[in-house]
């Protein structure tokens, strides 16, 4: 589950995820097209000058356009595996475990969106990459926004998947349109204790998908998320992300930007889409009517067919 903290009720969230799981059982999961053992074994760890170590995978031609993929809350670099076979082979793909996740450092602090973005900048320094396309999903999209806002000279294109610009005047839900119900993730997470059981009902529901996804992929995701200490789960929610004023910095995002949403997203709805579209009026917008929050799991070919030409059109 790659969701960002919002003011939402856990009962509705977990009920929706249960329904997604039941629906998925009736269908067979498509093959991933990536060997998960080889993928996991390819991960390296970079020691950054700020004392943080980041897990990452660097694949594709080293002389190709660099693309950084930033995952969401409680996920890791493997989050992007369903999409990888469909991304253009000319791209150099950098998949990162953000701090607190995967094989990266898990300090007690600090987890503000600027801290996450600065880690990405330092990783690009280590890899001697001067400029990159920055792609983020959910929490990772806020990190991508922040990177582009603070280091525009290092940013070529931005892709924000399942994102939000926060509260914005004039972005109330359209009449007659149902917005996602409020979900208070924190009230469920505070009930967790270390060590987290990756096969608990909570974790099964946390990683439920409305469409079939390879079970070994989901099992590994649950296991890695369960390896994050509960205090880090809470720190990521509490240290700056929940109250961050996204609208105040969005005017700094000047790079060409692609916004992708699934209209069935139970987390970010019309108000969230409006908040970014109004703040970034020149952005390209793609709305998949039948997809949800993890659109690149649900229909990776369609999402890649949107991302590839956007990243390659200026080359």
Protein backbone atom coordinates (compact mmCIF):
# COMPACT_ATOMS: atom_id res chain seq x y z
CA UNK A 1 0.00 0.00 0.00
CA UNK A 2 1.63 3.21 -1.13
CA UNK A 3 -0.54 5.79 0.54
CA UNK A 4 0.26 9.16 2.05
CA UNK A 5 -1.16 10.35 5.38
CA UNK A 6 -4.47 12.15 4.99
CA UNK A 7 -7.45 12.63 7.27
CA UNK A 8 -9.24 9.38 6.48
CA UNK A 9 -11.12 6.64 8.30
CA UNK A 10 -9.34 3.24 8.48
CA UNK A 11 -12.56 1.21 8.54
CA UNK A 12 -13.53 2.36 5.04
CA UNK A 13 -9.97 1.96 3.78
CA UNK A 14 -9.61 -1.60 5.03
CA UNK A 15 -13.10 -2.55 3.81
CA UNK A 16 -12.24 -1.25 0.33
CA UNK A 17 -8.95 -3.15 0.31
CA UNK A 18 -10.74 -6.36 1.36
CA UNK A 19 -13.14 -6.00 -1.56
CA UNK A 20 -10.20 -5.43 -3.90
CA UNK A 21 -8.54 -8.61 -2.59
CA UNK A 22 -11.68 -10.72 -3.08
CA UNK A 23 -12.15 -9.43 -6.63
CA UNK A 24 -8.50 -10.15 -7.45
CA UNK A 25 -8.78 -13.80 -6.40
CA UNK A 26 -11.06 -14.55 -9.34
CA UNK A 27 -8.41 -13.58 -11.87
CA UNK A 28 -4.89 -14.79 -12.51
CA UNK A 29 -2.01 -12.39 -11.98
CA UNK A 30 -0.10 -11.58 -15.17
CA UNK A 31 3.63 -12.43 -15.25
CA UNK A 32 5.92 -9.68 -14.02
CA UNK A 33 8.52 -10.02 -16.75
CA UNK A 34 11.28 -9.47 -14.15
CA UNK A 35 13.15 -12.13 -12.14
CA UNK A 36 12.61 -10.96 -8.56
CA UNK A 37 15.66 -12.80 -7.21
CA UNK A 38 17.93 -11.16 -9.76
CA UNK A 39 16.30 -7.79 -9.13
CA UNK A 40 16.78 -7.97 -5.38
CA UNK A 41 20.36 -9.19 -5.73
CA UNK A 42 21.20 -6.25 -8.01
CA UNK A 43 20.62 -3.70 -5.27
CA UNK A 44 23.61 -1.70 -4.07
CA UNK A 45 23.99 0.65 -1.12
CA UNK A 46 25.50 4.14 -1.45
CA UNK A 47 26.96 5.94 1.56
CA UNK A 48 25.93 9.60 1.31
CA UNK A 49 27.94 12.48 2.81
CA UNK A 50 25.04 13.34 5.15
CA UNK A 51 25.49 10.01 6.95
CA UNK A 52 22.52 8.28 5.28
CA UNK A 53 22.96 5.11 3.24
CA UNK A 54 20.55 4.55 0.36
CA UNK A 55 19.73 1.28 -1.34
CA UNK A 56 19.41 1.64 -5.09
CA UNK A 57 19.47 -0.17 -8.42
CA UNK A 58 21.08 1.37 -11.49
CA UNK A 59 20.06 -0.34 -14.73
CA UNK A 60 19.99 0.43 -18.42
CA UNK A 61 22.57 2.16 -20.63
CA UNK A 62 24.89 4.40 -18.63
CA UNK A 63 24.85 6.97 -21.45
CA UNK A 64 21.05 7.03 -21.60
CA UNK A 65 18.82 9.71 -20.08
CA UNK A 66 18.79 9.13 -16.31
CA UNK A 67 15.36 8.54 -14.75
CA UNK A 68 14.93 8.33 -10.98
CA UNK A 69 11.92 6.33 -9.77
CA UNK A 70 10.79 7.17 -6.21
CA UNK A 71 8.38 4.79 -4.48
CA UNK A 72 5.65 5.49 -1.95
CA UNK A 73 5.15 5.05 1.78
CA UNK A 74 6.37 1.69 3.25
CA UNK A 75 7.48 0.49 -0.20
CA UNK A 76 10.93 0.20 -1.77
CA UNK A 77 12.62 0.17 -5.18
CA UNK A 78 10.88 -3.11 -6.05
CA UNK A 79 7.60 -1.16 -6.15
CA UNK A 80 8.32 -0.31 -9.81
CA UNK A 81 8.97 -3.88 -11.00
CA UNK A 82 5.60 -4.25 -12.80
CA UNK A 83 6.40 -1.14 -14.87
CA UNK A 84 10.04 -1.88 -15.71
CA UNK A 85 9.56 -4.20 -18.72
CA UNK A 86 7.53 -1.49 -20.47
CA UNK A 87 9.85 1.49 -19.98
CA UNK A 88 11.92 2.50 -23.00
CA UNK A 89 15.18 0.54 -23.20
CA UNK A 90 17.16 3.69 -23.97
CA UNK A 91 16.54 5.02 -20.45
CA UNK A 92 18.97 4.66 -17.57
CA UNK A 93 16.72 3.73 -14.65
CA UNK A 94 17.71 4.59 -11.06
CA UNK A 95 15.41 2.93 -8.53
CA UNK A 96 15.91 4.14 -4.98
CA UNK A 97 14.93 2.99 -1.49
CA UNK A 98 14.08 6.25 0.28
CA UNK A 99 15.41 6.67 3.81
CA UNK A 100 13.55 4.54 6.33
CA UNK A 101 12.66 1.96 3.68
CA UNK A 102 14.15 -1.11 2.01
CA UNK A 103 17.92 -1.36 2.48
CA UNK A 104 18.35 2.34 3.30
CA UNK A 105 19.18 3.82 6.70
CA UNK A 106 16.29 3.94 9.17
CA UNK A 107 17.13 6.78 11.58
CA UNK A 108 14.69 8.04 14.21
CA UNK A 109 14.58 11.30 12.22
CA UNK A 110 14.41 13.15 9.89
CA UNK A 111 11.61 12.49 7.43
CA UNK A 112 10.53 15.84 6.02
CA UNK A 113 10.01 15.84 2.25
CA UNK A 114 13.11 18.02 1.87
CA UNK A 115 15.18 15.40 3.73
CA UNK A 116 14.01 12.72 1.30
CA UNK A 117 14.65 14.92 -1.73
CA UNK A 118 18.12 15.92 -0.53
CA UNK A 119 19.06 12.24 -0.23
CA UNK A 120 18.11 11.79 -3.90
CA UNK A 121 20.24 14.76 -4.87
CA UNK A 122 23.21 13.34 -2.98
CA UNK A 123 22.72 9.94 -4.63
CA UNK A 124 22.86 11.60 -8.05
CA UNK A 125 26.11 13.25 -6.95
CA UNK A 126 27.54 9.86 -5.98
CA UNK A 127 26.51 8.45 -9.36
CA UNK A 128 27.90 11.54 -11.12
CA UNK A 129 24.54 12.28 -12.76
CA UNK A 130 24.15 16.00 -13.41
CA UNK A 131 20.52 15.99 -14.49
CA UNK A 132 17.68 13.47 -14.39
CA UNK A 133 14.00 12.91 -14.97
CA UNK A 134 12.29 12.52 -11.60
CA UNK A 135 9.31 10.16 -11.32
CA UNK A 136 7.44 9.68 -8.05
CA UNK A 137 4.37 7.81 -6.83
CA UNK A 138 2.18 8.91 -3.90
CA UNK A 139 4.61 9.91 -1.11
CA UNK A 140 7.35 9.57 -3.74
CA UNK A 141 5.53 12.12 -5.88
CA UNK A 142 5.86 14.69 -3.09
CA UNK A 143 9.57 13.93 -2.95
CA UNK A 144 9.77 14.34 -6.73
CA UNK A 145 7.93 17.67 -6.51
CA UNK A 146 10.30 18.85 -3.80
CA UNK A 147 13.42 17.78 -5.70
CA UNK A 148 12.28 19.72 -8.76
CA UNK A 149 11.39 22.78 -6.68
CA UNK A 150 14.71 23.00 -4.83
CA UNK A 151 17.07 21.77 -7.55
CA UNK A 152 15.59 22.82 -10.90
CA UNK A 153 19.00 22.74 -12.55
CA UNK A 154 19.21 19.00 -11.79
CA UNK A 155 15.70 18.28 -13.11
CA UNK A 156 14.83 17.55 -16.74
CA UNK A 157 11.23 16.26 -16.53
CA UNK A 158 8.88 15.44 -13.65
CA UNK A 159 6.25 12.69 -13.55
CA UNK A 160 3.86 12.64 -10.59
CA UNK A 161 1.73 9.51 -10.22
CA UNK A 162 -1.19 9.52 -7.76
CA UNK A 163 -0.20 12.86 -6.29
CA UNK A 164 -1.68 15.90 -4.60
CA UNK A 165 -0.93 19.58 -4.26
CA UNK A 166 -2.57 19.76 -0.86
CA UNK A 167 -5.39 22.09 0.07
CA UNK A 168 -6.17 24.80 -2.50
CA UNK A 169 -9.02 27.31 -2.65
CA UNK A 170 -11.44 26.61 -5.46
CA UNK A 171 -10.70 22.88 -5.47
CA UNK A 172 -13.79 21.62 -3.73
CA UNK A 173 -15.30 18.36 -4.96
CA UNK A 174 -17.68 18.84 -7.94
CA UNK A 175 -21.37 18.62 -7.11
CA UNK A 176 -22.57 15.04 -7.10
CA UNK A 177 -19.05 13.59 -7.23
CA UNK A 178 -17.95 11.36 -4.38
CA UNK A 179 -14.54 12.10 -2.94
CA UNK A 180 -12.40 9.42 -1.26
CA UNK A 181 -13.53 8.86 2.32
CA UNK A 182 -11.22 10.21 5.00
CA UNK A 183 -8.63 7.67 6.10
CA UNK A 184 -6.76 8.01 9.36
CA UNK A 185 -3.81 5.70 8.71
CA UNK A 186 -2.12 6.70 11.95
CA UNK A 187 -4.84 5.26 14.18
CA UNK A 188 -4.21 1.83 12.63
CA UNK A 189 -0.42 2.09 12.54
CA UNK A 190 -0.12 2.98 16.24
CA UNK A 191 -1.64 -0.42 16.98
CA UNK A 192 1.33 -2.17 15.35
CA UNK A 193 4.14 -3.62 17.45
CA UNK A 194 7.64 -4.77 16.53
CA UNK A 195 8.29 -7.16 14.96
CA UNK A 196 5.47 -6.59 12.49
CA UNK A 197 3.97 -9.80 11.12
CA UNK A 198 4.14 -9.50 7.30
CA UNK A 199 1.29 -12.02 6.93
CA UNK A 200 -1.04 -10.35 9.42
CA UNK A 201 -4.52 -9.28 8.23
CA UNK A 202 -3.38 -5.66 8.41
CA UNK A 203 -0.40 -6.23 6.12
CA UNK A 204 -2.42 -8.38 3.70
CA UNK A 205 -4.94 -5.56 3.38
CA UNK A 206 -2.23 -2.87 3.29
CA UNK A 207 -0.85 -4.50 0.14
CA UNK A 208 -4.16 -5.46 -1.45
CA UNK A 209 -4.63 -4.57 -5.12
CA UNK A 210 -7.84 -4.09 -7.13
CA UNK A 211 -6.28 -6.13 -9.93
CA UNK A 212 -4.27 -9.37 -9.68
CA UNK A 213 -0.57 -8.87 -8.88
CA UNK A 214 2.09 -11.57 -8.64
CA UNK A 215 1.83 -13.01 -5.12
CA UNK A 216 5.60 -13.40 -4.67
CA UNK A 217 5.96 -9.70 -5.48
CA UNK A 218 3.36 -8.78 -2.86
CA UNK A 219 4.85 -11.18 -0.32
CA UNK A 220 8.28 -9.56 -0.69
CA UNK A 221 6.73 -6.11 -0.41
CA UNK A 222 4.97 -7.10 2.82
CA UNK A 223 8.14 -8.61 4.23
CA UNK A 224 10.21 -5.49 3.53
CA UNK A 225 7.52 -3.18 4.91
CA UNK A 226 7.31 -5.31 8.05
CA UNK A 227 11.07 -4.82 8.44
CA UNK A 228 10.53 -1.07 8.93
CA UNK A 229 10.36 -0.35 12.69
CA UNK A 230 6.99 0.95 13.84
CA UNK A 231 8.66 4.14 15.10
CA UNK A 232 9.83 4.79 11.53
CA UNK A 233 6.36 4.12 10.11
CA UNK A 234 5.13 6.81 12.49
CA UNK A 235 8.05 9.17 11.95
CA UNK A 236 7.48 9.23 8.19
CA UNK A 237 3.87 10.22 8.84
CA UNK A 238 4.54 12.71 11.61
CA UNK A 239 7.77 14.52 10.76
CA UNK A 240 6.63 17.21 8.39
CA UNK A 241 4.78 15.23 5.70
CA UNK A 242 1.28 15.40 7.16
CA UNK A 243 1.32 19.16 7.63
CA UNK A 244 3.50 20.18 4.72
CA UNK A 245 2.24 23.19 2.74
CA UNK A 246 2.65 21.90 -0.79
CA UNK A 247 0.99 24.88 -2.46
CA UNK A 248 3.57 27.32 -1.12
CA UNK A 249 6.45 25.69 -3.03
CA UNK A 250 4.72 24.40 -6.18
CA UNK A 251 5.34 27.68 -8.06
CA UNK A 252 9.03 26.71 -7.99
CA UNK A 253 8.32 23.60 -10.08
CA UNK A 254 9.17 24.82 -13.58
CA UNK A 255 10.30 21.59 -15.28
CA UNK A 256 7.95 20.00 -17.84
CA UNK A 257 5.55 17.91 -15.74
CA UNK A 258 3.27 14.95 -16.40
CA UNK A 259 0.45 14.25 -13.94
CA UNK A 260 -1.02 10.73 -13.85
CA UNK A 261 -4.01 9.57 -11.83
CA UNK A 262 -6.41 6.66 -11.74
CA UNK A 263 -9.96 7.95 -11.44
CA UNK A 264 -10.77 5.05 -9.10
CA UNK A 265 -8.00 6.07 -6.66
CA UNK A 266 -9.48 5.66 -3.14
CA UNK A 267 -6.87 8.04 -1.70
CA UNK A 268 -6.46 11.00 -4.03
CA UNK A 269 -9.57 12.26 -5.80
CA UNK A 270 -10.85 15.24 -7.75
CA UNK A 271 -9.79 17.82 -5.14
CA UNK A 272 -6.23 16.51 -5.20
CA UNK A 273 -6.13 16.52 -8.99
CA UNK A 274 -7.48 20.06 -9.05
CA UNK A 275 -4.87 21.23 -6.53
CA UNK A 276 -2.03 20.22 -8.85
CA UNK A 277 -3.62 21.07 -12.18
CA UNK A 278 -4.37 24.63 -11.04
CA UNK A 279 -0.90 25.05 -9.53
CA UNK A 280 0.78 23.63 -12.66
CA UNK A 281 -1.39 24.90 -15.55
CA UNK A 282 1.11 23.89 -18.24
CA UNK A 283 1.40 20.28 -17.02
CA UNK A 284 0.33 17.37 -19.18
CA UNK A 285 -2.49 15.42 -17.50
CA UNK A 286 -3.48 11.78 -17.99
CA UNK A 287 -6.47 10.32 -16.14
CA UNK A 288 -7.08 6.57 -16.38
CA UNK A 289 -10.78 6.09 -15.73
CA UNK A 290 -10.62 2.41 -14.74
CA UNK A 291 -7.44 2.47 -12.65
CA UNK A 292 -6.73 3.24 -9.01
CA UNK A 293 -3.89 4.37 -6.76
CA UNK A 294 -1.26 1.91 -8.05
CA UNK A 295 -1.98 2.40 -11.74
CA UNK A 296 1.42 1.08 -12.85
CA UNK A 297 0.64 -2.24 -11.13
CA UNK A 298 -2.84 -2.39 -12.61
CA UNK A 299 -2.01 -1.56 -16.25
CA UNK A 300 1.76 -1.03 -16.56
CA UNK A 301 1.70 -1.04 -20.36
CA UNK A 302 -0.77 1.85 -20.51
CA UNK A 303 1.15 3.86 -17.90
CA UNK A 304 4.47 3.26 -19.67
CA UNK A 305 2.90 4.27 -23.00
CA UNK A 306 2.12 7.60 -21.35
CA UNK A 307 5.48 8.10 -19.62
CA UNK A 308 7.84 7.01 -22.42
CA UNK A 309 6.94 9.61 -25.05
CA UNK A 310 6.83 12.35 -22.42
CA UNK A 311 10.38 11.61 -21.29
CA UNK A 312 11.76 11.03 -24.79
CA UNK A 313 10.05 13.77 -26.80
CA UNK A 314 12.74 16.40 -26.19
CA UNK A 315 15.69 14.08 -26.93
